PDB file of all heavy atoms in Angstrom:
ATOM      1  N   ASN A   1      16.594  17.523  -1.089  1.00  0.00           N
ATOM      2  CA  ASN A   1      15.239  18.049  -1.282  1.00  0.00           C
ATOM      3  C   ASN A   1      14.521  17.335  -2.414  1.00  0.00           C
ATOM      4  O   ASN A   1      13.320  17.065  -2.340  1.00  0.00           O
ATOM      5  CB  ASN A   1      15.290  19.552  -1.572  1.00  0.00           C
ATOM      6  CG  ASN A   1      15.808  20.348  -0.387  1.00  0.00           C
ATOM      7  OD1 ASN A   1      15.637  19.935   0.764  1.00  0.00           O
ATOM      8  ND2 ASN A   1      16.465  21.459  -0.664  1.00  0.00           N
ATOM      9  N   LEU A   2      15.256  17.031  -3.474  1.00  0.00           N
ATOM     10  CA  LEU A   2      14.665  16.372  -4.642  1.00  0.00           C
ATOM     11  C   LEU A   2      14.094  15.015  -4.258  1.00  0.00           C
ATOM     12  O   LEU A   2      12.969  14.668  -4.636  1.00  0.00           O
ATOM     13  CB  LEU A   2      15.745  16.220  -5.721  1.00  0.00           C
ATOM     14  CG  LEU A   2      15.321  15.541  -7.023  1.00  0.00           C
ATOM     15  CD1 LEU A   2      14.292  16.381  -7.761  1.00  0.00           C
ATOM     16  CD2 LEU A   2      16.538  15.288  -7.909  1.00  0.00           C
ATOM     17  N   GLU A   3      14.837  14.251  -3.500  1.00  0.00           N
ATOM     18  CA  GLU A   3      14.379  12.916  -3.140  1.00  0.00           C
ATOM     19  C   GLU A   3      13.211  12.957  -2.176  1.00  0.00           C
ATOM     20  O   GLU A   3      12.306  12.118  -2.246  1.00  0.00           O
ATOM     21  CB  GLU A   3      15.542  12.117  -2.546  1.00  0.00           C
ATOM     22  CG  GLU A   3      16.623  11.823  -3.570  1.00  0.00           C
ATOM     23  CD  GLU A   3      17.670  10.873  -3.022  1.00  0.00           C
ATOM     24  OE1 GLU A   3      17.413  10.244  -1.975  1.00  0.00           O
ATOM     25  OE2 GLU A   3      18.737  10.770  -3.635  1.00  0.00           O
ATOM     26  N   VAL A   4      13.203  13.931  -1.276  1.00  0.00           N
ATOM     27  CA  VAL A   4      12.077  14.069  -0.343  1.00  0.00           C
ATOM     28  C   VAL A   4      10.787  14.333  -1.116  1.00  0.00           C
ATOM     29  O   VAL A   4       9.746  13.712  -0.847  1.00  0.00           O
ATOM     30  CB  VAL A   4      12.344  15.205   0.659  1.00  0.00           C
ATOM     31  CG1 VAL A   4      11.068  15.541   1.430  1.00  0.00           C
ATOM     32  CG2 VAL A   4      13.458  14.819   1.622  1.00  0.00           C
ATOM     33  N   VAL A   5      10.847  15.232  -2.093  1.00  0.00           N
ATOM     34  CA  VAL A   5       9.658  15.558  -2.896  1.00  0.00           C
ATOM     35  C   VAL A   5       9.170  14.333  -3.650  1.00  0.00           C
ATOM     36  O   VAL A   5       7.967  14.028  -3.683  1.00  0.00           O
ATOM     37  CB  VAL A   5       9.986  16.706  -3.889  1.00  0.00           C
ATOM     38  CG1 VAL A   5       8.835  16.897  -4.875  1.00  0.00           C
ATOM     39  CG2 VAL A   5      10.261  17.996  -3.133  1.00  0.00           C
ATOM     40  N   ILE A   6      10.093  13.595  -4.266  1.00  0.00           N
ATOM     41  CA  ILE A   6       9.709  12.421  -5.054  1.00  0.00           C
ATOM     42  C   ILE A   6       9.090  11.347  -4.157  1.00  0.00           C
ATOM     43  O   ILE A   6       8.035  10.782  -4.474  1.00  0.00           O
ATOM     44  CB  ILE A   6      10.927  11.856  -5.809  1.00  0.00           C
ATOM     45  CG1 ILE A   6      11.386  12.853  -6.880  1.00  0.00           C
ATOM     46  CG2 ILE A   6      10.588  10.512  -6.447  1.00  0.00           C
ATOM     47  CD1 ILE A   6      12.669  12.458  -7.581  1.00  0.00           C
ATOM     48  N   MET A   7       9.728  11.063  -3.029  1.00  0.00           N
ATOM     49  CA  MET A   7       9.222  10.022  -2.136  1.00  0.00           C
ATOM     50  C   MET A   7       7.868  10.391  -1.532  1.00  0.00           C
ATOM     51  O   MET A   7       7.017   9.539  -1.309  1.00  0.00           O
ATOM     52  CB  MET A   7      10.237   9.752  -1.012  1.00  0.00           C
ATOM     53  CG  MET A   7      11.497   9.041  -1.459  1.00  0.00           C
ATOM     54  SD  MET A   7      11.179   7.385  -2.145  1.00  0.00           S
ATOM     55  CE  MET A   7      11.566   7.656  -3.885  1.00  0.00           C
ATOM     56  N   GLU A   8       7.653  11.688  -1.245  1.00  0.00           N
ATOM     57  CA  GLU A   8       6.359  12.125  -0.709  1.00  0.00           C
ATOM     58  C   GLU A   8       5.244  11.983  -1.732  1.00  0.00           C
ATOM     59  O   GLU A   8       4.097  11.689  -1.391  1.00  0.00           O
ATOM     60  CB  GLU A   8       6.448  13.589  -0.268  1.00  0.00           C
ATOM     61  CG  GLU A   8       7.192  13.804   1.034  1.00  0.00           C
ATOM     62  CD  GLU A   8       7.247  15.272   1.420  1.00  0.00           C
ATOM     63  OE1 GLU A   8       6.879  16.135   0.583  1.00  0.00           O
ATOM     64  OE2 GLU A   8       7.660  15.560   2.554  1.00  0.00           O
ATOM     65  N   THR A   9       5.571  12.191  -2.992  1.00  0.00           N
ATOM     66  CA  THR A   9       4.555  12.214  -4.048  1.00  0.00           C
ATOM     67  C   THR A   9       4.157  10.825  -4.514  1.00  0.00           C
ATOM     68  O   THR A   9       3.009  10.611  -4.925  1.00  0.00           O
ATOM     69  CB  THR A   9       5.075  13.031  -5.250  1.00  0.00           C
ATOM     70  OG1 THR A   9       5.530  14.302  -4.791  1.00  0.00           O
ATOM     71  CG2 THR A   9       3.981  13.229  -6.289  1.00  0.00           C
ATOM     72  N   LEU A  10       5.071   9.872  -4.471  1.00  0.00           N
ATOM     73  CA  LEU A  10       4.784   8.538  -5.003  1.00  0.00           C
ATOM     74  C   LEU A  10       3.653   7.864  -4.231  1.00  0.00           C
ATOM     75  O   LEU A  10       3.675   7.810  -2.999  1.00  0.00           O
ATOM     76  CB  LEU A  10       6.035   7.658  -4.934  1.00  0.00           C
ATOM     77  CG  LEU A  10       7.149   8.014  -5.915  1.00  0.00           C
ATOM     78  CD1 LEU A  10       8.385   7.173  -5.637  1.00  0.00           C
ATOM     79  CD2 LEU A  10       6.693   7.807  -7.350  1.00  0.00           C
ATOM     80  N   PRO A  11       2.646   7.319  -4.942  1.00  0.00           N
ATOM     81  CA  PRO A  11       1.474   6.727  -4.273  1.00  0.00           C
ATOM     82  C   PRO A  11       1.674   5.256  -3.922  1.00  0.00           C
ATOM     83  O   PRO A  11       0.849   4.399  -4.243  1.00  0.00           O
ATOM     84  CB  PRO A  11       0.383   6.900  -5.330  1.00  0.00           C
ATOM     85  CG  PRO A  11       1.114   6.749  -6.629  1.00  0.00           C
ATOM     86  CD  PRO A  11       2.476   7.352  -6.400  1.00  0.00           C
ATOM     87  N   PHE A  12       2.813   4.905  -3.277  1.00  0.00           N
ATOM     88  CA  PHE A  12       3.112   3.521  -2.944  1.00  0.00           C
ATOM     89  C   PHE A  12       3.380   3.395  -1.450  1.00  0.00           C
ATOM     90  O   PHE A  12       3.626   4.382  -0.749  1.00  0.00           O
ATOM     91  CB  PHE A  12       4.330   3.015  -3.718  1.00  0.00           C
ATOM     92  CG  PHE A  12       4.145   3.014  -5.214  1.00  0.00           C
ATOM     93  CD1 PHE A  12       5.033   3.683  -6.039  1.00  0.00           C
ATOM     94  CD2 PHE A  12       3.090   2.324  -5.803  1.00  0.00           C
ATOM     95  CE1 PHE A  12       4.870   3.685  -7.408  1.00  0.00           C
ATOM     96  CE2 PHE A  12       2.929   2.310  -7.171  1.00  0.00           C
ATOM     97  CZ  PHE A  12       3.807   2.998  -7.977  1.00  0.00           C
ATOM     98  N   SER A  13       3.363   2.164  -0.978  1.00  0.00           N
ATOM     99  CA  SER A  13       3.707   1.909   0.420  1.00  0.00           C
ATOM    100  C   SER A  13       5.186   2.205   0.645  1.00  0.00           C
ATOM    101  O   SER A  13       5.976   2.270  -0.309  1.00  0.00           O
ATOM    102  CB  SER A  13       3.424   0.439   0.755  1.00  0.00           C
ATOM    103  OG  SER A  13       4.266  -0.421  -0.013  1.00  0.00           O
ATOM    104  N   GLU A  14       5.557   2.373   1.903  1.00  0.00           N
ATOM    105  CA  GLU A  14       6.960   2.677   2.215  1.00  0.00           C
ATOM    106  C   GLU A  14       7.892   1.564   1.755  1.00  0.00           C
ATOM    107  O   GLU A  14       9.002   1.807   1.298  1.00  0.00           O
ATOM    108  CB  GLU A  14       7.118   2.908   3.727  1.00  0.00           C
ATOM    109  CG  GLU A  14       6.461   4.178   4.235  1.00  0.00           C
ATOM    110  CD  GLU A  14       6.984   5.417   3.528  1.00  0.00           C
ATOM    111  OE1 GLU A  14       8.217   5.504   3.323  1.00  0.00           O
ATOM    112  OE2 GLU A  14       6.168   6.303   3.191  1.00  0.00           O
ATOM    113  N   GLU A  15       7.415   0.320   1.884  1.00  0.00           N
ATOM    114  CA  GLU A  15       8.220  -0.814   1.431  1.00  0.00           C
ATOM    115  C   GLU A  15       8.482  -0.727  -0.068  1.00  0.00           C
ATOM    116  O   GLU A  15       9.609  -0.915  -0.538  1.00  0.00           O
ATOM    117  CB  GLU A  15       7.501  -2.123   1.764  1.00  0.00           C
ATOM    118  CG  GLU A  15       8.242  -3.363   1.247  1.00  0.00           C
ATOM    119  CD  GLU A  15       7.409  -4.630   1.373  1.00  0.00           C
ATOM    120  OE1 GLU A  15       6.264  -4.546   1.878  1.00  0.00           O
ATOM    121  OE2 GLU A  15       7.901  -5.689   0.957  1.00  0.00           O
ATOM    122  N   ASN A  16       7.428  -0.426  -0.822  1.00  0.00           N
ATOM    123  CA  ASN A  16       7.586  -0.357  -2.272  1.00  0.00           C
ATOM    124  C   ASN A  16       8.359   0.876  -2.712  1.00  0.00           C
ATOM    125  O   ASN A  16       8.985   0.870  -3.769  1.00  0.00           O
ATOM    126  CB  ASN A  16       6.224  -0.401  -2.963  1.00  0.00           C
ATOM    127  CG  ASN A  16       5.822  -1.821  -3.314  1.00  0.00           C
ATOM    128  OD1 ASN A  16       6.574  -2.763  -3.066  1.00  0.00           O
ATOM    129  ND2 ASN A  16       4.645  -1.978  -3.880  1.00  0.00           N
ATOM    130  N   LYS A  17       8.314   1.948  -1.916  1.00  0.00           N
ATOM    131  CA  LYS A  17       9.146   3.107  -2.232  1.00  0.00           C
ATOM    132  C   LYS A  17      10.621   2.748  -2.125  1.00  0.00           C
ATOM    133  O   LYS A  17      11.439   3.169  -2.954  1.00  0.00           O
ATOM    134  CB  LYS A  17       8.809   4.276  -1.305  1.00  0.00           C
ATOM    135  CG  LYS A  17       7.471   4.943  -1.590  1.00  0.00           C
ATOM    136  CD  LYS A  17       7.210   6.090  -0.624  1.00  0.00           C
ATOM    137  CE  LYS A  17       5.860   6.727  -0.886  1.00  0.00           C
ATOM    138  NZ  LYS A  17       5.568   7.859   0.033  1.00  0.00           N
ATOM    139  N   THR A  18      10.953   1.953  -1.116  1.00  0.00           N
ATOM    140  CA  THR A  18      12.338   1.493  -0.968  1.00  0.00           C
ATOM    141  C   THR A  18      12.721   0.589  -2.127  1.00  0.00           C
ATOM    142  O   THR A  18      13.816   0.714  -2.699  1.00  0.00           O
ATOM    143  CB  THR A  18      12.503   0.732   0.363  1.00  0.00           C
ATOM    144  OG1 THR A  18      12.141   1.600   1.438  1.00  0.00           O
ATOM    145  CG2 THR A  18      13.938   0.268   0.544  1.00  0.00           C
ATOM    146  N   ILE A  19      11.820  -0.333  -2.480  1.00  0.00           N
ATOM    147  CA  ILE A  19      12.077  -1.226  -3.618  1.00  0.00           C
ATOM    148  C   ILE A  19      12.234  -0.420  -4.893  1.00  0.00           C
ATOM    149  O   ILE A  19      13.116  -0.693  -5.717  1.00  0.00           O
ATOM    150  CB  ILE A  19      10.940  -2.253  -3.766  1.00  0.00           C
ATOM    151  CG1 ILE A  19      10.947  -3.222  -2.584  1.00  0.00           C
ATOM    152  CG2 ILE A  19      11.064  -3.017  -5.076  1.00  0.00           C
ATOM    153  CD1 ILE A  19       9.789  -4.201  -2.587  1.00  0.00           C
ATOM    154  N   LEU A  20      11.379   0.595  -5.065  1.00  0.00           N
ATOM    155  CA  LEU A  20      11.444   1.425  -6.269  1.00  0.00           C
ATOM    156  C   LEU A  20      12.794   2.113  -6.381  1.00  0.00           C
ATOM    157  O   LEU A  20      13.390   2.175  -7.464  1.00  0.00           O
ATOM    158  CB  LEU A  20      10.323   2.464  -6.240  1.00  0.00           C
ATOM    159  CG  LEU A  20      10.274   3.434  -7.429  1.00  0.00           C
ATOM    160  CD1 LEU A  20      10.033   2.681  -8.732  1.00  0.00           C
ATOM    161  CD2 LEU A  20       9.194   4.486  -7.232  1.00  0.00           C
ATOM    162  N   ARG A  21      13.305   2.639  -5.256  1.00  0.00           N
ATOM    163  CA  ARG A  21      14.608   3.305  -5.267  1.00  0.00           C
ATOM    164  C   ARG A  21      15.711   2.314  -5.659  1.00  0.00           C
ATOM    165  O   ARG A  21      16.556   2.608  -6.505  1.00  0.00           O
ATOM    166  CB  ARG A  21      14.897   3.907  -3.890  1.00  0.00           C
ATOM    167  CG  ARG A  21      16.190   4.723  -3.864  1.00  0.00           C
ATOM    168  CD  ARG A  21      16.586   5.138  -2.462  1.00  0.00           C
ATOM    169  NE  ARG A  21      15.604   6.039  -1.858  1.00  0.00           N
ATOM    170  CZ  ARG A  21      14.824   5.730  -0.837  1.00  0.00           C
ATOM    171  NH1 ARG A  21      14.884   4.513  -0.297  1.00  0.00           N
ATOM    172  NH2 ARG A  21      13.982   6.598  -0.336  1.00  0.00           N
ATOM    173  N   GLN A  22      15.668   1.123  -5.074  1.00  0.00           N
ATOM    174  CA  GLN A  22      16.684   0.117  -5.371  1.00  0.00           C
ATOM    175  C   GLN A  22      16.598  -0.369  -6.811  1.00  0.00           C
ATOM    176  O   GLN A  22      17.617  -0.498  -7.508  1.00  0.00           O
ATOM    177  CB  GLN A  22      16.531  -1.070  -4.412  1.00  0.00           C
ATOM    178  CG  GLN A  22      16.783  -0.723  -2.951  1.00  0.00           C
ATOM    179  CD  GLN A  22      16.363  -1.836  -2.011  1.00  0.00           C
ATOM    180  OE1 GLN A  22      15.695  -2.794  -2.412  1.00  0.00           O
ATOM    181  NE2 GLN A  22      16.756  -1.720  -0.743  1.00  0.00           N
ATOM    182  N   GLU A  23      15.379  -0.657  -7.246  1.00  0.00           N
ATOM    183  CA  GLU A  23      15.188  -1.176  -8.605  1.00  0.00           C
ATOM    184  C   GLU A  23      15.554  -0.142  -9.662  1.00  0.00           C
ATOM    185  O   GLU A  23      16.143  -0.474 -10.695  1.00  0.00           O
ATOM    186  CB  GLU A  23      13.732  -1.600  -8.795  1.00  0.00           C
ATOM    187  CG  GLU A  23      13.355  -2.861  -8.075  1.00  0.00           C
ATOM    188  CD  GLU A  23      13.926  -4.093  -8.767  1.00  0.00           C
ATOM    189  OE1 GLU A  23      13.404  -4.490  -9.813  1.00  0.00           O
ATOM    190  OE2 GLU A  23      14.900  -4.659  -8.245  1.00  0.00           O
ATOM    191  N   THR A  24      15.189   1.117  -9.411  1.00  0.00           N
ATOM    192  CA  THR A  24      15.504   2.173 -10.377  1.00  0.00           C
ATOM    193  C   THR A  24      17.007   2.292 -10.567  1.00  0.00           C
ATOM    194  O   THR A  24      17.499   2.386 -11.698  1.00  0.00           O
ATOM    195  CB  THR A  24      14.927   3.526  -9.900  1.00  0.00           C
ATOM    196  OG1 THR A  24      13.509   3.405  -9.754  1.00  0.00           O
ATOM    197  CG2 THR A  24      15.239   4.620 -10.903  1.00  0.00           C
ATOM    198  N   ARG A  25      17.739   2.264  -9.476  1.00  0.00           N
ATOM    199  CA  ARG A  25      19.202   2.329  -9.576  1.00  0.00           C
ATOM    200  C   ARG A  25      19.761   1.122 -10.331  1.00  0.00           C
ATOM    201  O   ARG A  25      20.631   1.260 -11.188  1.00  0.00           O
ATOM    202  CB  ARG A  25      19.817   2.413  -8.181  1.00  0.00           C
ATOM    203  CG  ARG A  25      21.341   2.428  -8.207  1.00  0.00           C
ATOM    204  CD  ARG A  25      21.923   2.624  -6.825  1.00  0.00           C
ATOM    205  NE  ARG A  25      23.364   2.381  -6.804  1.00  0.00           N
ATOM    206  CZ  ARG A  25      24.273   3.232  -7.254  1.00  0.00           C
ATOM    207  NH1 ARG A  25      23.896   4.400  -7.735  1.00  0.00           N
ATOM    208  NH2 ARG A  25      25.558   2.928  -7.209  1.00  0.00           N
TER     209      ARG A  25
END
């Protein structure tokens, strides 16, 4: 649930959301 909320809220494209997840880790 936590990740769904974060991904829905972020104002980025789907590609950059994936990059953000990878880069953050």
